[in-house]
Amino acid sequence: MAYISPSTVTTGDLITAAEWNQDIVANEQAGAPDMFTTKGDLFVGTAADAGTRLGVGANGDVLMADSAEASGVKWAKHVAVAQRQGGDASDWSTAGAVNYAVGQVMVLVGAIEVTIPANQNSYALTVSFPIAFSNLPIMLCTLVAFVGELVTVAAGANSSSQGQVRAKRETSPATPLTVTIQWMAIGPA
C-alpha cells in the first residue's frame, strides 16, 4: 500500500469516513509497521522525508554505514578495521612495516576453566573458535580473578580454528587449582 498525500482541510470542515480511511488509516498502514515483513526488519531513511524497509541480516551480521547503498547502510559479516601492519598483504603472521588495508576482521572472545592437576604446575586446554578465521589469528588471554597464588596464563592460536590456553603456577602442590581464563582472538575473517 502506498502513501497518499492527505487532503487539506480548514477549521469547521467535515471529514468524511472515506477521507479518514484514505488519509489517516491507509497512510498509517503504509507506514513503517506495515512495511515490515520479517522479524528484525528495519526502517531506514533514504533521503529527506523518504525511507525504506531494510530486511534483517543473517545471523552474526552487523549493520554498517555504506554510502554506496541506496539506504546508506548494509548488513555485513564482521566489523572492518582500516589498516594493519605487516610484510604481506594476505598473511597476518608475516612481519613487516608496510600498512595494508584490511577487509573483514573478526574478534572472538570466550572464557574457559583450566584445572591444574595435583602435583603439576601447568596445564593447557584447546579452545575451538566459534567461527574459523581465514588465517592464523592473534590470541590474548587474562586471568579472571586472583586465586591466592602466583598464576600466569598464556594463549596462542595453533590453527585458524583452534587455539590453546595454558595456566601455570609457581609450585606443584598436592591440591589441584582451577582458574578461569578469558581469551580473545583477532584475525582475518
C-alpha atoms as a PDB file:
ATOM      1  CA  MET A   1       0.000   0.000   0.000  1.00  0.00           C
ATOM      2  CA  ALA A   2       1.429   3.377  -0.951  1.00  0.00           C
ATOM      3  CA  TYR A   3       1.356   6.616   0.964  1.00  0.00           C
ATOM      4  CA  ILE A   4      -1.366   9.074  -0.108  1.00  0.00           C
ATOM      5  CA  SER A   5      -0.975  12.800   0.490  1.00  0.00           C
ATOM      6  CA  PRO A   6      -3.774  13.865   2.863  1.00  0.00           C
ATOM      7  CA  SER A   7      -6.299  16.385   1.640  1.00  0.00           C
ATOM      8  CA  THR A   8      -6.171  19.889   3.059  1.00  0.00           C
ATOM      9  CA  VAL A   9      -8.917  20.875   5.466  1.00  0.00           C
ATOM     10  CA  THR A  10      -9.720  24.051   7.369  1.00  0.00           C
ATOM     11  CA  THR A  11     -11.376  24.577  10.707  1.00  0.00           C
ATOM     12  CA  GLY A  12     -15.002  23.558  10.564  1.00  0.00           C
ATOM     13  CA  ASP A  13     -14.652  21.243   7.536  1.00  0.00           C
ATOM     14  CA  LEU A  14     -16.366  17.898   7.780  1.00  0.00           C
ATOM     15  CA  ILE A  15     -14.081  14.895   7.354  1.00  0.00           C
ATOM     16  CA  THR A  16     -15.910  12.027   5.745  1.00  0.00           C
ATOM     17  CA  ALA A  17     -15.319   8.355   6.504  1.00  0.00           C
ATOM     18  CA  ALA A  18     -13.781   7.926   3.036  1.00  0.00           C
ATOM     19  CA  GLU A  19     -11.330  10.784   3.652  1.00  0.00           C
ATOM     20  CA  TRP A  20     -10.489   9.456   7.115  1.00  0.00           C
ATOM     21  CA  ASN A  21      -9.918   5.939   5.796  1.00  0.00           C
ATOM     22  CA  GLN A  22      -7.779   7.200   2.915  1.00  0.00           C
ATOM     23  CA  ASP A  23      -5.832   9.982   4.652  1.00  0.00           C
ATOM     24  CA  ILE A  24      -5.348   8.502   8.115  1.00  0.00           C
ATOM     25  CA  VAL A  25      -5.933   4.743   8.133  1.00  0.00           C
ATOM     26  CA  ALA A  26      -4.341   3.942   4.763  1.00  0.00           C
ATOM     27  CA  ASN A  27      -1.326   6.150   5.452  1.00  0.00           C
ATOM     28  CA  GLU A  28      -0.753   4.539   8.847  1.00  0.00           C
ATOM     29  CA  GLN A  29      -0.893   1.122   7.197  1.00  0.00           C
ATOM     30  CA  ALA A  30       1.548   2.259   4.512  1.00  0.00           C
ATOM     31  CA  GLY A  31       3.967   3.463   7.192  1.00  0.00           C
ATOM     32  CA  ALA A  32       6.716   1.613   8.989  1.00  0.00           C
ATOM     33  CA  PRO A  33       4.676  -1.064  10.814  1.00  0.00           C
ATOM     34  CA  ASP A  34       3.043  -2.354   7.629  1.00  0.00           C
ATOM     35  CA  MET A  35       6.237  -2.428   5.591  1.00  0.00           C
ATOM     36  CA  PHE A  36       7.931  -4.933   7.923  1.00  0.00           C
ATOM     37  CA  THR A  37       7.711  -8.499   6.648  1.00  0.00           C
ATOM     38  CA  THR A  38      10.254 -10.315   8.816  1.00  0.00           C
ATOM     39  CA  LYS A  39      11.362 -10.216  12.432  1.00  0.00           C
ATOM     40  CA  GLY A  40      14.390  -7.914  12.611  1.00  0.00           C
ATOM     41  CA  ASP A  41      13.492  -5.711   9.638  1.00  0.00           C
ATOM     42  CA  LEU A  42      14.491  -2.049   9.957  1.00  0.00           C
ATOM     43  CA  PHE A  43      13.076   1.179   8.560  1.00  0.00           C
ATOM     44  CA  VAL A  44      15.917   3.373   7.237  1.00  0.00           C
ATOM     45  CA  GLY A  45      15.981   6.818   5.713  1.00  0.00           C
ATOM     46  CA  THR A  46      16.954   7.067   2.042  1.00  0.00           C
ATOM     47  CA  ALA A  47      16.641  10.840   1.605  1.00  0.00           C
ATOM     48  CA  ALA A  48      14.839  13.779   3.191  1.00  0.00           C
ATOM     49  CA  ASP A  49      11.307  12.638   4.111  1.00  0.00           C
ATOM     50  CA  ALA A  50      11.877   9.224   2.495  1.00  0.00           C
ATOM     51  CA  GLY A  51      12.547   5.782   3.857  1.00  0.00           C
ATOM     52  CA  THR A  52      12.515   2.104   3.012  1.00  0.00           C
ATOM     53  CA  ARG A  53      12.475  -1.330   4.603  1.00  0.00           C
ATOM     54  CA  LEU A  54      15.884  -2.940   5.169  1.00  0.00           C
ATOM     55  CA  GLY A  55      15.486  -6.680   5.557  1.00  0.00           C
ATOM     56  CA  VAL A  56      17.097  -8.387   8.519  1.00  0.00           C
ATOM     57  CA  GLY A  57      20.674  -9.573   8.015  1.00  0.00           C
ATOM     58  CA  ALA A  58      21.963 -13.100   8.516  1.00  0.00           C
ATOM     59  CA  ASN A  59      22.915 -14.407  11.962  1.00  0.00           C
ATOM     60  CA  GLY A  60      26.167 -12.795  13.061  1.00  0.00           C
ATOM     61  CA  ASP A  61      25.876  -9.856  10.632  1.00  0.00           C
ATOM     62  CA  VAL A  62      26.397  -6.283  11.815  1.00  0.00           C
ATOM     63  CA  LEU A  63      24.856  -3.124  10.378  1.00  0.00           C
ATOM     64  CA  MET A  64      27.465  -0.922   8.693  1.00  0.00           C
ATOM     65  CA  ALA A  65      27.337   2.504   7.070  1.00  0.00           C
ATOM     66  CA  ASP A  66      27.888   2.321   3.298  1.00  0.00           C
ATOM     67  CA  SER A  67      27.284   5.398   1.165  1.00  0.00           C
ATOM     68  CA  ALA A  68      27.210   3.256  -2.000  1.00  0.00           C
ATOM     69  CA  GLU A  69      23.981   1.594  -0.819  1.00  0.00           C
ATOM     70  CA  ALA A  70      20.619   3.236  -1.607  1.00  0.00           C
ATOM     71  CA  SER A  71      19.709   3.131   2.085  1.00  0.00           C
ATOM     72  CA  GLY A  72      23.156   4.290   3.248  1.00  0.00           C
ATOM     73  CA  VAL A  73      23.640   1.106   5.307  1.00  0.00           C
ATOM     74  CA  LYS A  74      24.136  -2.606   4.731  1.00  0.00           C
ATOM     75  CA  TRP A  75      24.470  -5.848   6.642  1.00  0.00           C
ATOM     76  CA  ALA A  76      27.984  -7.320   6.672  1.00  0.00           C
ATOM     77  CA  LYS A  77      29.599 -10.343   8.243  1.00  0.00           C
ATOM     78  CA  HIS A  78      32.028  -8.606  10.578  1.00  0.00           C
ATOM     79  CA  VAL A  79      33.344  -5.223  11.553  1.00  0.00           C
ATOM     80  CA  ALA A  80      36.112  -3.960   9.283  1.00  0.00           C
ATOM     81  CA  VAL A  81      39.159  -2.086  10.513  1.00  0.00           C
ATOM     82  CA  ALA A  82      41.126   0.415   8.494  1.00  0.00           C
ATOM     83  CA  GLN A  83      44.655  -0.959   8.353  1.00  0.00           C
ATOM     84  CA  ARG A  84      47.185  -3.359   9.808  1.00  0.00           C
ATOM     85  CA  GLN A  85      50.940  -3.512   9.556  1.00  0.00           C
ATOM     86  CA  GLY A  86      52.960  -6.435   8.228  1.00  0.00           C
ATOM     87  CA  GLY A  87      55.137  -7.779   5.450  1.00  0.00           C
ATOM     88  CA  ASP A  88      52.474  -9.499   3.347  1.00  0.00           C
ATOM     89  CA  ALA A  89      49.064  -8.339   2.174  1.00  0.00           C
ATOM     90  CA  SER A  90      47.252 -11.590   2.919  1.00  0.00           C
ATOM     91  CA  ASP A  91      49.338 -13.327   5.612  1.00  0.00           C
ATOM     92  CA  TRP A  92      48.855 -11.840   9.066  1.00  0.00           C
ATOM     93  CA  SER A  93      51.803 -13.718  10.522  1.00  0.00           C
ATOM     94  CA  THR A  94      54.420 -12.171   8.207  1.00  0.00           C
ATOM     95  CA  ALA A  95      56.425  -9.442   9.972  1.00  0.00           C
ATOM     96  CA  GLY A  96      56.974  -6.082   8.336  1.00  0.00           C
ATOM     97  CA  ALA A  97      56.339  -2.355   8.470  1.00  0.00           C
ATOM     98  CA  VAL A  98      54.036  -1.929   5.449  1.00  0.00           C
ATOM     99  CA  ASN A  99      50.472  -0.737   6.073  1.00  0.00           C
ATOM    100  CA  TYR A 100      47.763  -2.817   4.402  1.00  0.00           C
ATOM    101  CA  ALA A 101      44.074  -2.098   4.042  1.00  0.00           C
ATOM    102  CA  VAL A 102      42.175  -4.838   5.814  1.00  0.00           C
ATOM    103  CA  GLY A 103      38.970  -6.365   4.532  1.00  0.00           C
ATOM    104  CA  GLN A 104      36.921  -8.198   7.105  1.00  0.00           C
ATOM    105  CA  VAL A 105      38.268  -8.742  10.616  1.00  0.00           C
ATOM    106  CA  MET A 106      36.826 -10.964  13.342  1.00  0.00           C
ATOM    107  CA  VAL A 107      37.167 -10.557  17.081  1.00  0.00           C
ATOM    108  CA  LEU A 108      36.119 -13.673  19.002  1.00  0.00           C
ATOM    109  CA  VAL A 109      36.045 -13.882  22.804  1.00  0.00           C
ATOM    110  CA  GLY A 110      35.347 -16.506  25.407  1.00  0.00           C
ATOM    111  CA  ALA A 111      36.152 -17.851  28.844  1.00  0.00           C
ATOM    112  CA  ILE A 112      37.443 -21.282  29.790  1.00  0.00           C
ATOM    113  CA  GLU A 113      38.190 -23.040  33.073  1.00  0.00           C
ATOM    114  CA  VAL A 114      41.591 -24.685  33.365  1.00  0.00           C
ATOM    115  CA  THR A 115      42.296 -27.079  36.230  1.00  0.00           C
ATOM    116  CA  ILE A 116      45.955 -27.592  37.028  1.00  0.00           C
ATOM    117  CA  PRO A 117      46.091 -31.154  38.427  1.00  0.00           C
ATOM    118  CA  ALA A 118      47.620 -32.013  41.802  1.00  0.00           C
ATOM    119  CA  ASN A 119      51.414 -32.311  41.768  1.00  0.00           C
ATOM    120  CA  GLN A 120      51.693 -30.417  38.463  1.00  0.00           C
ATOM    121  CA  ASN A 121      52.488 -26.782  37.898  1.00  0.00           C
ATOM    122  CA  SER A 122      50.841 -26.242  34.476  1.00  0.00           C
ATOM    123  CA  TYR A 123      48.044 -27.432  32.263  1.00  0.00           C
ATOM    124  CA  ALA A 124      46.723 -26.448  28.831  1.00  0.00           C
ATOM    125  CA  LEU A 125      43.350 -26.760  27.128  1.00  0.00           C
ATOM    126  CA  THR A 126      42.338 -26.375  23.494  1.00  0.00           C
ATOM    127  CA  VAL A 127      39.820 -23.701  22.530  1.00  0.00           C
ATOM    128  CA  SER A 128      37.773 -24.282  19.378  1.00  0.00           C
ATOM    129  CA  PHE A 129      36.817 -20.943  17.856  1.00  0.00           C
ATOM    130  CA  PRO A 130      33.073 -20.498  17.181  1.00  0.00           C
ATOM    131  CA  ILE A 131      33.956 -19.362  13.639  1.00  0.00           C
ATOM    132  CA  ALA A 132      37.159 -20.271  11.818  1.00  0.00           C
ATOM    133  CA  PHE A 133      39.469 -17.471  10.709  1.00  0.00           C
ATOM    134  CA  SER A 134      40.861 -17.412   7.163  1.00  0.00           C
ATOM    135  CA  ASN A 135      44.407 -17.312   8.581  1.00  0.00           C
ATOM    136  CA  LEU A 136      46.111 -17.753  11.948  1.00  0.00           C
ATOM    137  CA  PRO A 137      44.736 -15.145  14.417  1.00  0.00           C
ATOM    138  CA  ILE A 138      46.422 -13.324  17.274  1.00  0.00           C
ATOM    139  CA  MET A 139      45.305 -14.716  20.636  1.00  0.00           C
ATOM    140  CA  LEU A 140      45.391 -12.931  24.006  1.00  0.00           C
ATOM    141  CA  CYS A 141      44.225 -14.001  27.472  1.00  0.00           C
ATOM    142  CA  THR A 142      43.900 -12.857  31.076  1.00  0.00           C
ATOM    143  CA  LEU A 143      43.151 -14.451  34.431  1.00  0.00           C
ATOM    144  CA  VAL A 144      39.629 -13.588  35.594  1.00  0.00           C
ATOM    145  CA  ALA A 145      40.377 -13.338  39.340  1.00  0.00           C
ATOM    146  CA  PHE A 146      43.247 -13.559  41.804  1.00  0.00           C
ATOM    147  CA  VAL A 147      43.459 -17.116  43.121  1.00  0.00           C
ATOM    148  CA  GLY A 148      45.738 -16.643  46.143  1.00  0.00           C
ATOM    149  CA  GLU A 149      48.980 -17.692  44.485  1.00  0.00           C
ATOM    150  CA  LEU A 150      51.080 -16.679  41.513  1.00  0.00           C
ATOM    151  CA  VAL A 151      49.471 -17.996  38.318  1.00  0.00           C
ATOM    152  CA  THR A 152      50.487 -16.965  34.828  1.00  0.00           C
ATOM    153  CA  VAL A 153      48.388 -17.566  31.741  1.00  0.00           C
ATOM    154  CA  ALA A 154      49.240 -17.657  28.051  1.00  0.00           C
ATOM    155  CA  ALA A 155      47.339 -18.278  24.850  1.00  0.00           C
ATOM    156  CA  GLY A 156      48.191 -18.837  21.240  1.00  0.00           C
ATOM    157  CA  ALA A 157      46.413 -19.958  18.101  1.00  0.00           C
ATOM    158  CA  ASN A 158      47.657 -23.222  16.634  1.00  0.00           C
ATOM    159  CA  SER A 159      45.365 -23.149  13.588  1.00  0.00           C
ATOM    160  CA  SER A 160      42.679 -20.952  12.037  1.00  0.00           C
ATOM    161  CA  SER A 161      40.006 -22.818  14.020  1.00  0.00           C
ATOM    162  CA  GLN A 162      41.706 -23.569  17.361  1.00  0.00           C
ATOM    163  CA  GLY A 163      43.941 -22.073  19.984  1.00  0.00           C
ATOM    164  CA  GLN A 164      45.492 -23.210  23.236  1.00  0.00           C
ATOM    165  CA  VAL A 165      45.164 -21.640  26.682  1.00  0.00           C
ATOM    166  CA  ARG A 166      47.724 -22.543  29.359  1.00  0.00           C
ATOM    167  CA  ALA A 167      47.799 -21.838  33.098  1.00  0.00           C
ATOM    168  CA  LYS A 168      50.994 -22.195  35.118  1.00  0.00           C
ATOM    169  CA  ARG A 169      51.596 -21.811  38.823  1.00  0.00           C
ATOM    170  CA  GLU A 170      54.826 -21.263  40.719  1.00  0.00           C
ATOM    171  CA  THR A 171      54.832 -24.572  42.590  1.00  0.00           C
ATOM    172  CA  SER A 172      53.376 -28.089  42.252  1.00  0.00           C
ATOM    173  CA  PRO A 173      51.322 -28.600  45.447  1.00  0.00           C
ATOM    174  CA  ALA A 174      49.284 -31.742  46.204  1.00  0.00           C
ATOM    175  CA  THR A 175      45.990 -29.933  45.540  1.00  0.00           C
ATOM    176  CA  PRO A 176      44.533 -29.104  42.128  1.00  0.00           C
ATOM    177  CA  LEU A 177      43.832 -25.491  41.209  1.00  0.00           C
ATOM    178  CA  THR A 178      41.036 -24.320  38.908  1.00  0.00           C
ATOM    179  CA  VAL A 179      41.252 -20.899  37.260  1.00  0.00           C
ATOM    180  CA  THR A 180      39.022 -19.113  34.766  1.00  0.00           C
ATOM    181  CA  ILE A 181      40.766 -17.534  31.808  1.00  0.00           C
ATOM    182  CA  GLN A 182      39.204 -15.055  29.411  1.00  0.00           C
ATOM    183  CA  TRP A 183      40.601 -15.237  25.868  1.00  0.00           C
ATOM    184  CA  MET A 184      40.327 -13.095  22.749  1.00  0.00           C
ATOM    185  CA  ALA A 185      41.320 -13.971  19.191  1.00  0.00           C
ATOM    186  CA  ILE A 186      41.689 -11.292  16.497  1.00  0.00           C
ATOM    187  CA  GLY A 187      42.296 -12.106  12.852  1.00  0.00           C
ATOM    188  CA  PRO A 188      41.114 -12.085   9.248  1.00  0.00           C
ATOM    189  CA  ALA A 189      37.569 -13.283   8.559  1.00  0.00           C
END
